[in-house]
PDB file of N, CA and C in Angstrom:
ATOM      1  N   UNK A   1     -48.629 -22.072  24.590  1.00  0.00           N
ATOM      2  CA  UNK A   1     -49.750 -21.523  23.755  1.00  0.00           C
ATOM      3  C   UNK A   1     -51.383 -21.747  24.476  1.00  0.00           C
ATOM      4  N   UNK A   2     -51.110 -22.250  25.100  1.00  0.00           N
ATOM      5  CA  UNK A   2     -52.249 -22.549  26.364  1.00  0.00           C
ATOM      6  C   UNK A   2     -53.409 -21.144  26.247  1.00  0.00           C
ATOM      7  N   UNK A   3     -52.749 -19.875  26.393  1.00  0.00           N
ATOM      8  CA  UNK A   3     -53.336 -18.781  26.592  1.00  0.00           C
ATOM      9  C   UNK A   3     -54.085 -18.486  25.275  1.00  0.00           C
ATOM     10  N   UNK A   4     -53.410 -18.808  24.224  1.00  0.00           N
ATOM     11  CA  UNK A   4     -53.797 -18.227  23.142  1.00  0.00           C
ATOM     12  C   UNK A   4     -54.665 -19.040  22.203  1.00  0.00           C
ATOM     13  N   UNK A   5     -54.768 -20.537  22.668  1.00  0.00           N
ATOM     14  CA  UNK A   5     -55.451 -21.389  21.790  1.00  0.00           C
ATOM     15  C   UNK A   5     -56.987 -21.210  21.564  1.00  0.00           C
ATOM     16  N   UNK A   6     -57.401 -20.769  22.469  1.00  0.00           N
ATOM     17  CA  UNK A   6     -59.036 -19.986  22.066  1.00  0.00           C
ATOM     18  C   UNK A   6     -59.066 -19.279  21.218  1.00  0.00           C
ATOM     19  N   UNK A   7     -57.922 -17.772  20.980  1.00  0.00           N
ATOM     20  CA  UNK A   7     -58.262 -16.929  20.485  1.00  0.00           C
ATOM     21  C   UNK A   7     -57.991 -17.444  18.669  1.00  0.00           C
ATOM     22  N   UNK A   8     -56.974 -18.402  18.670  1.00  0.00           N
ATOM     23  CA  UNK A   8     -56.460 -18.605  17.267  1.00  0.00           C
ATOM     24  C   UNK A   8     -57.381 -19.841  16.708  1.00  0.00           C
ATOM     25  N   UNK A   9     -58.335 -20.428  17.326  1.00  0.00           N
ATOM     26  CA  UNK A   9     -59.526 -21.107  17.036  1.00  0.00           C
ATOM     27  C   UNK A   9     -60.689 -20.400  16.459  1.00  0.00           C
ATOM     28  N   UNK A  10     -60.704 -19.277  16.803  1.00  0.00           N
ATOM     29  CA  UNK A  10     -61.474 -17.988  15.960  1.00  0.00           C
ATOM     30  C   UNK A  10     -61.289 -17.821  14.558  1.00  0.00           C
ATOM     31  N   UNK A  11     -59.929 -18.095  14.153  1.00  0.00           N
ATOM     32  CA  UNK A  11     -59.410 -17.612  12.778  1.00  0.00           C
ATOM     33  C   UNK A  11     -60.186 -18.472  12.190  1.00  0.00           C
ATOM     34  N   UNK A  12     -60.342 -18.306  10.680  1.00  0.00           N
ATOM     35  CA  UNK A  12     -60.980 -19.279   9.863  1.00  0.00           C
ATOM     36  C   UNK A  12     -60.096 -20.018   9.038  1.00  0.00           C
ATOM     37  N   UNK A  13     -58.936 -19.420   8.366  1.00  0.00           N
ATOM     38  CA  UNK A  13     -58.462 -19.614   7.729  1.00  0.00           C
ATOM     39  C   UNK A  13     -56.862 -20.299   8.107  1.00  0.00           C
ATOM     40  N   UNK A  14     -56.698 -21.832   7.567  1.00  0.00           N
ATOM     41  CA  UNK A  14     -55.805 -22.199   8.591  1.00  0.00           C
ATOM     42  C   UNK A  14     -54.577 -21.629   8.028  1.00  0.00           C
ATOM     43  N   UNK A  15     -54.180 -21.547   6.698  1.00  0.00           N
ATOM     44  CA  UNK A  15     -52.705 -20.772   6.898  1.00  0.00           C
ATOM     45  C   UNK A  15     -52.596 -19.783   7.553  1.00  0.00           C
ATOM     46  N   UNK A  16     -53.592 -18.578   7.923  1.00  0.00           N
ATOM     47  CA  UNK A  16     -53.472 -17.370   8.458  1.00  0.00           C
ATOM     48  C   UNK A  16     -53.382 -17.954  10.052  1.00  0.00           C
ATOM     49  N   UNK A  17     -54.006 -19.307  10.363  1.00  0.00           N
ATOM     50  CA  UNK A  17     -54.145 -19.364  11.908  1.00  0.00           C
ATOM     51  C   UNK A  17     -52.498 -19.732  12.431  1.00  0.00           C
ATOM     52  N   UNK A  18     -51.934 -20.529  11.384  1.00  0.00           N
ATOM     53  CA  UNK A  18     -50.622 -21.098  11.073  1.00  0.00           C
ATOM     54  C   UNK A  18     -49.634 -20.076  11.761  1.00  0.00           C
ATOM     55  N   UNK A  19     -49.931 -18.662  10.413  1.00  0.00           N
ATOM     56  CA  UNK A  19     -48.640 -17.975  10.742  1.00  0.00           C
ATOM     57  C   UNK A  19     -49.112 -17.331  11.984  1.00  0.00           C
ATOM     58  N   UNK A  20     -50.419 -16.747  12.551  1.00  0.00           N
ATOM     59  CA  UNK A  20     -50.211 -16.377  13.864  1.00  0.00           C
ATOM     60  C   UNK A  20     -49.949 -16.946  15.122  1.00  0.00           C
ATOM     61  N   UNK A  21     -50.045 -17.796  14.929  1.00  0.00           N
ATOM     62  CA  UNK A  21     -49.511 -19.361  16.016  1.00  0.00           C
ATOM     63  C   UNK A  21     -47.909 -18.618  15.682  1.00  0.00           C
ATOM     64  N   UNK A  22     -47.641 -18.993  14.580  1.00  0.00           N
ATOM     65  CA  UNK A  22     -45.834 -19.028  14.660  1.00  0.00           C
ATOM     66  C   UNK A  22     -45.182 -17.854  15.253  1.00  0.00           C
ATOM     67  N   UNK A  23     -45.863 -16.823  14.977  1.00  0.00           N
ATOM     68  CA  UNK A  23     -45.522 -15.773  15.577  1.00  0.00           C
ATOM     69  C   UNK A  23     -45.662 -15.359  17.390  1.00  0.00           C
ATOM     70  N   UNK A  24     -46.979 -15.976  17.796  1.00  0.00           N
ATOM     71  CA  UNK A  24     -46.843 -15.708  19.326  1.00  0.00           C
ATOM     72  C   UNK A  24     -45.993 -16.922  19.652  1.00  0.00           C
ATOM     73  N   UNK A  25     -45.409 -17.981  18.543  1.00  0.00           N
ATOM     74  CA  UNK A  25     -44.859 -18.986  19.315  1.00  0.00           C
ATOM     75  C   UNK A  25     -43.333 -18.341  19.342  1.00  0.00           C
ATOM     76  N   UNK A  26     -42.853 -17.896  18.483  1.00  0.00           N
ATOM     77  CA  UNK A  26     -42.004 -17.024  18.282  1.00  0.00           C
ATOM     78  C   UNK A  26     -41.639 -16.496  19.254  1.00  0.00           C
ATOM     79  N   UNK A  27     -42.447 -15.331  19.908  1.00  0.00           N
ATOM     80  CA  UNK A  27     -42.622 -14.476  21.144  1.00  0.00           C
ATOM     81  C   UNK A  27     -42.234 -15.216  22.103  1.00  0.00           C
ATOM     82  N   UNK A  28     -42.837 -16.239  22.562  1.00  0.00           N
ATOM     83  CA  UNK A  28     -42.682 -17.128  23.276  1.00  0.00           C
ATOM     84  C   UNK A  28     -41.305 -17.491  23.690  1.00  0.00           C
ATOM     85  N   UNK A  29     -40.963 -17.987  22.923  1.00  0.00           N
ATOM     86  CA  UNK A  29     -39.703 -18.922  22.860  1.00  0.00           C
ATOM     87  C   UNK A  29     -38.248 -17.798  23.143  1.00  0.00           C
ATOM     88  N   UNK A  30     -38.512 -16.434  22.228  1.00  0.00           N
ATOM     89  CA  UNK A  30     -37.474 -15.299  22.372  1.00  0.00           C
ATOM     90  C   UNK A  30     -37.373 -14.834  23.915  1.00  0.00           C
ATOM     91  N   UNK A  31     -38.585 -14.706  24.390  1.00  0.00           N
ATOM     92  CA  UNK A  31     -39.116 -13.954  25.349  1.00  0.00           C
ATOM     93  C   UNK A  31     -39.537 -14.834  26.557  1.00  0.00           C
ATOM     94  N   UNK A  32     -39.225 -15.919  26.968  1.00  0.00           N
ATOM     95  CA  UNK A  32     -40.007 -16.527  27.957  1.00  0.00           C
ATOM     96  C   UNK A  32     -40.471 -15.653  29.458  1.00  0.00           C
ATOM     97  N   UNK A  33     -39.890 -14.948  29.734  1.00  0.00           N
ATOM     98  CA  UNK A  33     -39.930 -14.076  30.909  1.00  0.00           C
ATOM     99  C   UNK A  33     -41.290 -13.241  30.440  1.00  0.00           C
ATOM    100  N   UNK A  34     -41.742 -13.250  29.482  1.00  0.00           N
ATOM    101  CA  UNK A  34     -43.041 -11.896  29.068  1.00  0.00           C
ATOM    102  C   UNK A  34     -43.948 -12.971  29.380  1.00  0.00           C
ATOM    103  N   UNK A  35     -45.074 -12.409  30.269  1.00  0.00           N
ATOM    104  CA  UNK A  35     -46.267 -12.762  30.678  1.00  0.00           C
ATOM    105  C   UNK A  35     -47.781 -12.863  29.391  1.00  0.00           C
ATOM    106  N   UNK A  36     -48.128 -13.822  29.199  1.00  0.00           N
ATOM    107  CA  UNK A  36     -49.253 -13.658  28.208  1.00  0.00           C
ATOM    108  C   UNK A  36     -50.657 -13.864  28.566  1.00  0.00           C
ATOM    109  N   UNK A  37     -51.444 -13.115  27.759  1.00  0.00           N
ATOM    110  CA  UNK A  37     -53.081 -12.842  28.437  1.00  0.00           C
ATOM    111  C   UNK A  37     -53.649 -12.305  27.300  1.00  0.00           C
ATOM    112  N   UNK A  38     -54.750 -12.570  27.202  1.00  0.00           N
ATOM    113  CA  UNK A  38     -55.709 -12.269  26.420  1.00  0.00           C
ATOM    114  C   UNK A  38     -56.390 -10.860  26.689  1.00  0.00           C
ATOM    115  N   UNK A  39     -56.485  -9.784  26.053  1.00  0.00           N
ATOM    116  CA  UNK A  39     -57.280  -8.784  26.579  1.00  0.00           C
ATOM    117  C   UNK A  39     -57.407  -7.737  25.592  1.00  0.00           C
ATOM    118  N   UNK A  40     -58.614  -7.091  25.797  1.00  0.00           N
ATOM    119  CA  UNK A  40     -58.852  -6.430  24.694  1.00  0.00           C
ATOM    120  C   UNK A  40     -59.534  -7.319  23.302  1.00  0.00           C
ATOM    121  N   UNK A  41     -59.629  -8.525  23.540  1.00  0.00           N
ATOM    122  CA  UNK A  41     -60.045  -9.187  22.444  1.00  0.00           C
ATOM    123  C   UNK A  41     -58.535  -9.744  21.561  1.00  0.00           C
ATOM    124  N   UNK A  42     -57.605  -9.516  21.990  1.00  0.00           N
ATOM    125  CA  UNK A  42     -56.350  -9.824  21.579  1.00  0.00           C
ATOM    126  C   UNK A  42     -55.084 -10.349  22.321  1.00  0.00           C
ATOM    127  N   UNK A  43     -54.201 -11.331  21.904  1.00  0.00           N
ATOM    128  CA  UNK A  43     -53.244 -11.972  22.609  1.00  0.00           C
ATOM    129  C   UNK A  43     -52.342 -10.712  22.501  1.00  0.00           C
ATOM    130  N   UNK A  44     -51.665 -11.017  24.145  1.00  0.00           N
ATOM    131  CA  UNK A  44     -50.534  -9.438  24.000  1.00  0.00           C
ATOM    132  C   UNK A  44     -49.570 -10.485  25.349  1.00  0.00           C
ATOM    133  N   UNK A  45     -48.692  -9.692  25.235  1.00  0.00           N
ATOM    134  CA  UNK A  45     -47.077  -9.810  25.932  1.00  0.00           C
ATOM    135  C   UNK A  45     -46.959  -8.711  26.990  1.00  0.00           C
ATOM    136  N   UNK A  46     -46.589  -9.277  28.270  1.00  0.00           N
ATOM    137  CA  UNK A  46     -46.620  -7.730  29.183  1.00  0.00           C
ATOM    138  C   UNK A  46     -45.406  -8.243  29.921  1.00  0.00           C
ATOM    139  N   UNK A  47     -44.881  -7.660  30.687  1.00  0.00           N
ATOM    140  CA  UNK A  47     -43.643  -7.323  31.554  1.00  0.00           C
ATOM    141  C   UNK A  47     -43.683  -6.445  32.902  1.00  0.00           C
ATOM    142  N   UNK A  48     -43.836  -7.391  33.989  1.00  0.00           N
ATOM    143  CA  UNK A  48     -44.037  -6.602  35.362  1.00  0.00           C
ATOM    144  C   UNK A  48     -45.253  -6.184  35.174  1.00  0.00           C
ATOM    145  N   UNK A  49     -46.638  -6.432  34.471  1.00  0.00           N
ATOM    146  CA  UNK A  49     -47.633  -5.980  34.442  1.00  0.00           C
ATOM    147  C   UNK A  49     -47.761  -4.444  33.133  1.00  0.00           C
ATOM    148  N   UNK A  50     -46.950  -4.411  33.017  1.00  0.00           N
ATOM    149  CA  UNK A  50     -47.110  -3.073  31.390  1.00  0.00           C
ATOM    150  C   UNK A  50     -47.041  -3.864  30.825  1.00  0.00           C
ATOM    151  N   UNK A  51     -47.841  -3.132  29.513  1.00  0.00           N
ATOM    152  CA  UNK A  51     -47.602  -3.760  28.524  1.00  0.00           C
ATOM    153  C   UNK A  51     -46.533  -3.497  27.399  1.00  0.00           C
ATOM    154  N   UNK A  52     -46.138  -4.760  26.212  1.00  0.00           N
ATOM    155  CA  UNK A  52     -45.185  -5.039  25.488  1.00  0.00           C
ATOM    156  C   UNK A  52     -45.552  -4.803  24.020  1.00  0.00           C
ATOM    157  N   UNK A  53     -46.336  -5.764  23.831  1.00  0.00           N
ATOM    158  CA  UNK A  53     -46.612  -5.905  22.699  1.00  0.00           C
ATOM    159  C   UNK A  53     -48.176  -6.589  22.176  1.00  0.00           C
ATOM    160  N   UNK A  54     -49.243  -6.605  21.535  1.00  0.00           N
ATOM    161  CA  UNK A  54     -49.863  -7.118  21.111  1.00  0.00           C
ATOM    162  C   UNK A  54     -50.187  -7.312  19.723  1.00  0.00           C
ATOM    163  N   UNK A  55     -51.029  -8.453  19.387  1.00  0.00           N
ATOM    164  CA  UNK A  55     -51.250  -8.913  17.945  1.00  0.00           C
ATOM    165  C   UNK A  55     -52.693  -9.024  17.809  1.00  0.00           C
ATOM    166  N   UNK A  56     -53.176  -8.834  16.547  1.00  0.00           N
ATOM    167  CA  UNK A  56     -54.418  -9.314  16.223  1.00  0.00           C
ATOM    168  C   UNK A  56     -54.837  -9.600  14.856  1.00  0.00           C
ATOM    169  N   UNK A  57     -55.941  -9.857  14.368  1.00  0.00           N
ATOM    170  CA  UNK A  57     -55.851 -10.167  12.729  1.00  0.00           C
ATOM    171  C   UNK A  57     -57.233  -9.382  12.428  1.00  0.00           C
ATOM    172  N   UNK A  58     -56.773  -9.440  10.859  1.00  0.00           N
ATOM    173  CA  UNK A  58     -58.502  -9.354  10.638  1.00  0.00           C
ATOM    174  C   UNK A  58     -58.088  -9.760   8.839  1.00  0.00           C
ATOM    175  N   UNK A  59     -58.939  -9.781   7.871  1.00  0.00           N
ATOM    176  CA  UNK A  59     -58.778 -10.153   6.845  1.00  0.00           C
ATOM    177  C   UNK A  59     -57.724 -10.104   5.725  1.00  0.00           C
ATOM    178  N   UNK A  60     -57.246  -8.731   5.776  1.00  0.00           N
ATOM    179  CA  UNK A  60     -56.282  -8.707   5.211  1.00  0.00           C
ATOM    180  C   UNK A  60     -54.745  -8.690   6.051  1.00  0.00           C
ATOM    181  N   UNK A  61     -54.852  -8.591   6.909  1.00  0.00           N
ATOM    182  CA  UNK A  61     -53.351  -8.674   7.450  1.00  0.00           C
ATOM    183  C   UNK A  61     -53.505  -9.076   9.251  1.00  0.00           C
ATOM    184  N   UNK A  62     -52.387  -9.405   9.864  1.00  0.00           N
ATOM    185  CA  UNK A  62     -51.887  -9.149  10.933  1.00  0.00           C
ATOM    186  C   UNK A  62     -51.346  -7.933  11.985  1.00  0.00           C
ATOM    187  N   UNK A  63     -52.195  -7.163  12.615  1.00  0.00           N
ATOM    188  CA  UNK A  63     -51.356  -6.166  13.272  1.00  0.00           C
ATOM    189  C   UNK A  63     -50.889  -6.120  14.326  1.00  0.00           C
ATOM    190  N   UNK A  64     -49.790  -5.720  14.508  1.00  0.00           N
ATOM    191  CA  UNK A  64     -48.777  -5.588  15.540  1.00  0.00           C
ATOM    192  C   UNK A  64     -48.847  -4.258  16.811  1.00  0.00           C
ATOM    193  N   UNK A  65     -49.452  -4.341  17.774  1.00  0.00           N
ATOM    194  CA  UNK A  65     -49.348  -2.781  18.640  1.00  0.00           C
ATOM    195  C   UNK A  65     -48.531  -2.963  19.382  1.00  0.00           C
ATOM    196  N   UNK A  66     -47.130  -2.068  19.071  1.00  0.00           N
ATOM    197  CA  UNK A  66     -46.298  -1.837  20.435  1.00  0.00           C
ATOM    198  C   UNK A  66     -46.743  -0.733  20.776  1.00  0.00           C
ATOM    199  N   UNK A  67     -47.547  -0.259  20.955  1.00  0.00           N
ATOM    200  CA  UNK A  67     -47.891   1.478  21.329  1.00  0.00           C
ATOM    201  C   UNK A  67     -46.973   2.263  20.263  1.00  0.00           C
ATOM    202  N   UNK A  68     -47.925   3.514  20.172  1.00  0.00           N
ATOM    203  CA  UNK A  68     -47.377   5.234  19.374  1.00  0.00           C
ATOM    204  C   UNK A  68     -46.067   5.219  19.581  1.00  0.00           C
ATOM    205  N   UNK A  69     -45.039   5.185  20.690  1.00  0.00           N
ATOM    206  CA  UNK A  69     -43.833   5.942  21.220  1.00  0.00           C
ATOM    207  C   UNK A  69     -42.941   4.698  20.152  1.00  0.00           C
ATOM    208  N   UNK A  70     -42.823   3.765  20.167  1.00  0.00           N
ATOM    209  CA  UNK A  70     -42.207   2.718  19.368  1.00  0.00           C
ATOM    210  C   UNK A  70     -42.042   3.096  17.621  1.00  0.00           C
ATOM    211  N   UNK A  71     -43.301   2.877  17.449  1.00  0.00           N
ATOM    212  CA  UNK A  71     -43.965   3.372  16.059  1.00  0.00           C
ATOM    213  C   UNK A  71     -43.079   4.356  15.347  1.00  0.00           C
ATOM    214  N   UNK A  72     -43.508   5.679  16.363  1.00  0.00           N
ATOM    215  CA  UNK A  72     -42.717   6.568  15.729  1.00  0.00           C
ATOM    216  C   UNK A  72     -41.101   6.636  15.723  1.00  0.00           C
ATOM    217  N   UNK A  73     -40.885   6.033  17.095  1.00  0.00           N
ATOM    218  CA  UNK A  73     -38.954   5.739  17.211  1.00  0.00           C
ATOM    219  C   UNK A  73     -38.362   5.507  15.985  1.00  0.00           C
ATOM    220  N   UNK A  74     -39.420   4.223  15.689  1.00  0.00           N
ATOM    221  CA  UNK A  74     -38.710   3.077  14.709  1.00  0.00           C
ATOM    222  C   UNK A  74     -39.129   3.198  13.158  1.00  0.00           C
ATOM    223  N   UNK A  75     -40.217   4.232  12.903  1.00  0.00           N
ATOM    224  CA  UNK A  75     -41.032   4.746  11.697  1.00  0.00           C
ATOM    225  C   UNK A  75     -40.044   4.309  10.147  1.00  0.00           C
ATOM    226  N   UNK A  76     -38.798   4.921  10.426  1.00  0.00           N
ATOM    227  CA  UNK A  76     -37.955   4.817   9.337  1.00  0.00           C
ATOM    228  C   UNK A  76     -37.631   3.166   9.393  1.00  0.00           C
ATOM    229  N   UNK A  77     -37.287   2.082   9.827  1.00  0.00           N
ATOM    230  CA  UNK A  77     -37.372   1.007   9.948  1.00  0.00           C
ATOM    231  C   UNK A  77     -38.499   0.367   9.522  1.00  0.00           C
ATOM    232  N   UNK A  78     -39.413   0.266  10.105  1.00  0.00           N
ATOM    233  CA  UNK A  78     -41.020  -0.036   9.598  1.00  0.00           C
ATOM    234  C   UNK A  78     -41.141   0.125   8.213  1.00  0.00           C
ATOM    235  N   UNK A  79     -41.055   1.139   7.808  1.00  0.00           N
ATOM    236  CA  UNK A  79     -40.884   1.544   6.379  1.00  0.00           C
ATOM    237  C   UNK A  79     -40.190   1.071   5.282  1.00  0.00           C
ATOM    238  N   UNK A  80     -38.511   1.184   5.853  1.00  0.00           N
ATOM    239  CA  UNK A  80     -37.592   0.221   5.161  1.00  0.00           C
ATOM    240  C   UNK A  80     -38.381  -1.474   4.972  1.00  0.00           C
ATOM    241  N   UNK A  81     -39.065  -1.909   5.995  1.00  0.00           N
ATOM    242  CA  UNK A  81     -39.463  -3.480   5.898  1.00  0.00           C
ATOM    243  C   UNK A  81     -40.371  -3.459   4.399  1.00  0.00           C
ATOM    244  N   UNK A  82     -41.007  -2.392   4.552  1.00  0.00           N
ATOM    245  CA  UNK A  82     -42.143  -2.484   3.152  1.00  0.00           C
ATOM    246  C   UNK A  82     -43.558  -2.510   4.214  1.00  0.00           C
ATOM    247  N   UNK A  83     -43.694  -2.662   5.271  1.00  0.00           N
ATOM    248  CA  UNK A  83     -44.958  -2.245   6.105  1.00  0.00           C
ATOM    249  C   UNK A  83     -45.733  -1.393   6.322  1.00  0.00           C
ATOM    250  N   UNK A  84     -46.837  -1.409   6.307  1.00  0.00           N
ATOM    251  CA  UNK A  84     -47.736  -0.001   6.534  1.00  0.00           C
ATOM    252  C   UNK A  84     -48.028  -0.279   7.698  1.00  0.00           C
ATOM    253  N   UNK A  85     -48.380   1.372   8.340  1.00  0.00           N
ATOM    254  CA  UNK A  85     -48.695   1.412   9.512  1.00  0.00           C
ATOM    255  C   UNK A  85     -49.553   2.609   9.667  1.00  0.00           C
ATOM    256  N   UNK A  86     -49.820   2.679  11.092  1.00  0.00           N
ATOM    257  CA  UNK A  86     -50.750   3.941  11.584  1.00  0.00           C
ATOM    258  C   UNK A  86     -49.685   4.439  12.733  1.00  0.00           C
ATOM    259  N   UNK A  87     -50.384   5.306  13.502  1.00  0.00           N
ATOM    260  CA  UNK A  87     -49.507   5.526  14.592  1.00  0.00           C
ATOM    261  C   UNK A  87     -49.813   4.705  15.884  1.00  0.00           C
ATOM    262  N   UNK A  88     -50.751   3.902  15.619  1.00  0.00           N
ATOM    263  CA  UNK A  88     -51.450   2.884  16.923  1.00  0.00           C
ATOM    264  C   UNK A  88     -51.023   1.504  16.232  1.00  0.00           C
ATOM    265  N   UNK A  89     -50.952   0.891  14.932  1.00  0.00           N
ATOM    266  CA  UNK A  89     -50.631  -0.513  14.522  1.00  0.00           C
ATOM    267  C   UNK A  89     -49.241  -0.488  13.050  1.00  0.00           C
ATOM    268  N   UNK A  90     -49.303  -1.833  13.414  1.00  0.00           N
ATOM    269  CA  UNK A  90     -48.010  -1.861  11.936  1.00  0.00           C
ATOM    270  C   UNK A  90     -48.852  -2.763  11.281  1.00  0.00           C
ATOM    271  N   UNK A  91     -48.917  -2.976  10.265  1.00  0.00           N
ATOM    272  CA  UNK A  91     -49.681  -4.158   9.461  1.00  0.00           C
ATOM    273  C   UNK A  91     -48.413  -5.035   8.866  1.00  0.00           C
ATOM    274  N   UNK A  92     -48.837  -6.206   8.886  1.00  0.00           N
ATOM    275  CA  UNK A  92     -48.212  -7.452   7.990  1.00  0.00           C
ATOM    276  C   UNK A  92     -49.459  -7.999   7.010  1.00  0.00           C
ATOM    277  N   UNK A  93     -49.200  -7.748   6.317  1.00  0.00           N
ATOM    278  CA  UNK A  93     -49.742  -8.712   5.002  1.00  0.00           C
ATOM    279  C   UNK A  93     -50.049 -10.204   5.144  1.00  0.00           C
ATOM    280  N   UNK A  94     -50.862 -10.804   4.769  1.00  0.00           N
ATOM    281  CA  UNK A  94     -50.620 -12.285   4.978  1.00  0.00           C
ATOM    282  C   UNK A  94     -49.747 -12.992   3.810  1.00  0.00           C
ATOM    283  N   UNK A  95     -49.402 -12.341   2.797  1.00  0.00           N
ATOM    284  CA  UNK A  95     -49.015 -13.119   2.039  1.00  0.00           C
ATOM    285  C   UNK A  95     -47.490 -12.701   2.047  1.00  0.00           C
ATOM    286  N   UNK A  96     -47.067 -11.578   3.626  1.00  0.00           N
ATOM    287  CA  UNK A  96     -45.680 -10.993   3.021  1.00  0.00           C
ATOM    288  C   UNK A  96     -45.039 -11.569   4.256  1.00  0.00           C
ATOM    289  N   UNK A  97     -43.480 -12.100   4.142  1.00  0.00           N
ATOM    290  CA  UNK A  97     -42.944 -13.038   5.349  1.00  0.00           C
ATOM    291  C   UNK A  97     -42.872 -11.849   6.550  1.00  0.00           C
ATOM    292  N   UNK A  98     -42.675 -12.470   7.969  1.00  0.00           N
ATOM    293  CA  UNK A  98     -42.572 -11.808   9.356  1.00  0.00           C
ATOM    294  C   UNK A  98     -41.355 -11.562   9.544  1.00  0.00           C
ATOM    295  N   UNK A  99     -41.885 -10.416   9.629  1.00  0.00           N
ATOM    296  CA  UNK A  99     -40.131  -9.138   9.892  1.00  0.00           C
ATOM    297  C   UNK A  99     -39.558  -9.728  11.422  1.00  0.00           C
ATOM    298  N   UNK A 100     -39.178 -10.631  11.816  1.00  0.00           N
ATOM    299  CA  UNK A 100     -38.679 -11.094  13.089  1.00  0.00           C
ATOM    300  C   UNK A 100     -37.767 -10.113  13.528  1.00  0.00           C
ATOM    301  N   UNK A 101     -36.389  -9.931  12.394  1.00  0.00           N
ATOM    302  CA  UNK A 101     -36.051  -8.955  13.348  1.00  0.00           C
ATOM    303  C   UNK A 101     -36.391  -7.398  13.720  1.00  0.00           C
ATOM    304  N   UNK A 102     -37.856  -6.996  12.984  1.00  0.00           N
ATOM    305  CA  UNK A 102     -38.228  -5.746  13.183  1.00  0.00           C
ATOM    306  C   UNK A 102     -38.678  -6.172  14.935  1.00  0.00           C
ATOM    307  N   UNK A 103     -39.829  -7.413  14.831  1.00  0.00           N
ATOM    308  CA  UNK A 103     -40.270  -7.558  15.620  1.00  0.00           C
ATOM    309  C   UNK A 103     -39.692  -7.377  17.348  1.00  0.00           C
ATOM    310  N   UNK A 104     -38.285  -8.196  16.916  1.00  0.00           N
ATOM    311  CA  UNK A 104     -37.240  -7.852  18.448  1.00  0.00           C
ATOM    312  C   UNK A 104     -36.996  -6.422  18.504  1.00  0.00           C
ATOM    313  N   UNK A 105     -36.514  -5.517  17.699  1.00  0.00           N
ATOM    314  CA  UNK A 105     -36.256  -4.227  17.641  1.00  0.00           C
ATOM    315  C   UNK A 105     -37.523  -3.700  18.920  1.00  0.00           C
ATOM    316  N   UNK A 106     -38.623  -4.090  18.572  1.00  0.00           N
ATOM    317  CA  UNK A 106     -39.746  -3.095  18.813  1.00  0.00           C
ATOM    318  C   UNK A 106     -39.933  -3.711  20.432  1.00  0.00           C
ATOM    319  N   UNK A 107     -39.606  -5.010  20.695  1.00  0.00           N
ATOM    320  CA  UNK A 107     -40.047  -5.491  21.593  1.00  0.00           C
ATOM    321  C   UNK A 107     -38.852  -5.539  22.858  1.00  0.00           C
ATOM    322  N   UNK A 108     -37.658  -5.953  22.543  1.00  0.00           N
ATOM    323  CA  UNK A 108     -36.640  -5.170  22.925  1.00  0.00           C
ATOM    324  C   UNK A 108     -36.816  -3.668  23.333  1.00  0.00           C
ATOM    325  N   UNK A 109     -36.906  -2.646  22.684  1.00  0.00           N
ATOM    326  CA  UNK A 109     -37.131  -1.479  22.900  1.00  0.00           C
ATOM    327  C   UNK A 109     -38.300  -0.964  24.255  1.00  0.00           C
ATOM    328  N   UNK A 110     -39.445  -1.736  24.430  1.00  0.00           N
ATOM    329  CA  UNK A 110     -40.423  -1.502  25.095  1.00  0.00           C
ATOM    330  C   UNK A 110     -40.207  -2.320  26.346  1.00  0.00           C
ATOM    331  N   UNK A 111     -39.164  -3.319  26.219  1.00  0.00           N
ATOM    332  CA  UNK A 111     -38.864  -4.163  27.625  1.00  0.00           C
ATOM    333  C   UNK A 111     -37.982  -3.373  28.108  1.00  0.00           C
ATOM    334  N   UNK A 112     -36.890  -2.527  27.436  1.00  0.00           N
ATOM    335  CA  UNK A 112     -35.683  -1.773  28.047  1.00  0.00           C
ATOM    336  C   UNK A 112     -36.303   0.287  28.626  1.00  0.00           C
ATOM    337  N   UNK A 113     -37.409   0.105  27.779  1.00  0.00           N
ATOM    338  CA  UNK A 113     -37.741   1.744  27.585  1.00  0.00           C
ATOM    339  C   UNK A 113     -39.028   1.206  28.824  1.00  0.00           C
ATOM    340  N   UNK A 114     -39.537   0.421  29.046  1.00  0.00           N
ATOM    341  CA  UNK A 114     -40.667   0.362  30.302  1.00  0.00           C
ATOM    342  C   UNK A 114     -39.984  -0.383  31.474  1.00  0.00           C
ATOM    343  N   UNK A 115     -38.836  -0.623  31.591  1.00  0.00           N
ATOM    344  CA  UNK A 115     -38.385  -1.445  32.431  1.00  0.00           C
ATOM    345  C   UNK A 115     -38.737  -0.873  33.991  1.00  0.00           C
ATOM    346  N   UNK A 116     -38.927   0.296  34.398  1.00  0.00           N
ATOM    347  CA  UNK A 116     -38.706   1.139  35.435  1.00  0.00           C
ATOM    348  C   UNK A 116     -40.667   1.433  35.515  1.00  0.00           C
ATOM    349  N   UNK A 117     -41.356   1.099  34.308  1.00  0.00           N
ATOM    350  CA  UNK A 117     -42.618   1.763  33.960  1.00  0.00           C
ATOM    351  C   UNK A 117     -43.644   1.047  34.982  1.00  0.00           C
ATOM    352  N   UNK A 118     -44.430   1.568  35.913  1.00  0.00           N
ATOM    353  CA  UNK A 118     -45.758   0.803  36.531  1.00  0.00           C
ATOM    354  C   UNK A 118     -46.720   0.683  36.037  1.00  0.00           C
ATOM    355  N   UNK A 119     -47.574   1.026  34.947  1.00  0.00           N
ATOM    356  CA  UNK A 119     -48.705   1.522  34.563  1.00  0.00           C
ATOM    357  C   UNK A 119     -48.593   0.558  33.290  1.00  0.00           C
ATOM    358  N   UNK A 120     -49.866  -0.195  32.984  1.00  0.00           N
ATOM    359  CA  UNK A 120     -50.178  -0.433  31.732  1.00  0.00           C
ATOM    360  C   UNK A 120     -49.444  -0.106  30.734  1.00  0.00           C
ATOM    361  N   UNK A 121     -50.534   0.815  30.258  1.00  0.00           N
ATOM    362  CA  UNK A 121     -50.223   1.557  28.912  1.00  0.00           C
ATOM    363  C   UNK A 121     -49.541   3.102  29.200  1.00  0.00           C
ATOM    364  N   UNK A 122     -48.842   3.785  28.228  1.00  0.00           N
ATOM    365  CA  UNK A 122     -47.718   4.660  28.254  1.00  0.00           C
ATOM    366  C   UNK A 122     -49.222   5.786  28.248  1.00  0.00           C
TER     367      UNK A 122
END
């Protein structure tokens, strides 16, 4: 979590910081081969130099950013989970449980879909 420590320390609400830290820790443990970095002021995970997923927070929610393609592909699943979204982000309200199975689906998809991809963004 060293990579993300400074980012987490910018969060003023301890419960929100704990929730964000738990999500980032889960991704690191589930996907130990992914690289971690802070870019564009958000924690993100990459694979062989290509973007897999990023996270950010606001007053009302955590934003997941898996890129547009997986949001479109899994729109039904996202909506079944009860989360709101745009083309670019999926919102987890602070009071909502973290949908780890959805995170796994999005991350697995990006890792597989971008296995031979050599640019950062799609």
